[in-house]
Amino acid sequence: MPVDAVVGDLVVRFDRAERWLHWVSAILVLVLIATGSVMYIGALSGLIGRRVLVETIHLWAGLALPLPFAVAFAGRWNRGVRRDARRLGRFLTDDWLWLRKRFRRSGSLRIGKFNGGQKVNAVLVTATLPVLFATGVLLEWNGWLTDSWRTGATFVHDWGYVALSLLVLGHILKALADPVSMRAMRRGTVPRRWALEEHPRWHDELPLTDDVADERTETLPTDPAGPGSVGRSRS
């Protein structure tokens, strides 16, 4: 089913292509973090051993990482992926307010499909992965590099690994604290009422079925001046 489709009391939050991209890339990133940790942390390296095997797995997981993105964005099933990528890259006023607000579920902010924290995380991960890929390639095929370039690439790659590990850890902890979002990434759908309460701006973008129209009407503020005042206020 397409993204944003309304099916009874459920809304399609992520289509199959988006979920496939998420889980395949997540597995590859976790493999990279795990193998990188074994190579980076001396205690783990001594405990696990098999350094050549670990390095080989790390290399091939890194080289494979761009493939799911290429498949998801290039295929004819890319409509939902591209639409949500645009949403993640577009920051609105309420997103910045969400980042500064302590009580974010008070209902005062009109959050779209993704909140400010999810957008920041997505932007940082998207920026970090190409840097890690490029520096990893340089370090693997480094015969032509000068010592200064090799040292610089190692420095950037190591700190990129630390940054990515923290971003992924934060993402996992937030996902575990939000079972509805977690279920959406497994099954694709969320309750329509949840979309209305947690992501009202996204809810307003959904196809206007009779049930959705009724829910939107229920959320409109009552105007004591009467029904004609709505038109006058917009003039």
Foldseek 3Di string as FASTA:
>chain_A
DDALADDPQKGQHDDPLRLVLVVLLVVLLVLLLVLVCLVPPVVNVVVPPPNVVSVVSNVVSLVCNCVSVCCCCVDPNNPRVVVVVVVLQDDDPLQVVCVVDDPNLPQPGQAASDHNVSSVLVVLLVVLSVLLSVLVVCQVPVPPPDPVSVVVSVVSNVVSSVVVVVSVVVVVVVCVVPVQVVVCSVPRMHGLVCCCRPNVVNLVVHPDDPVSVVVVVVPDDDDPVDDVVVVVVVD
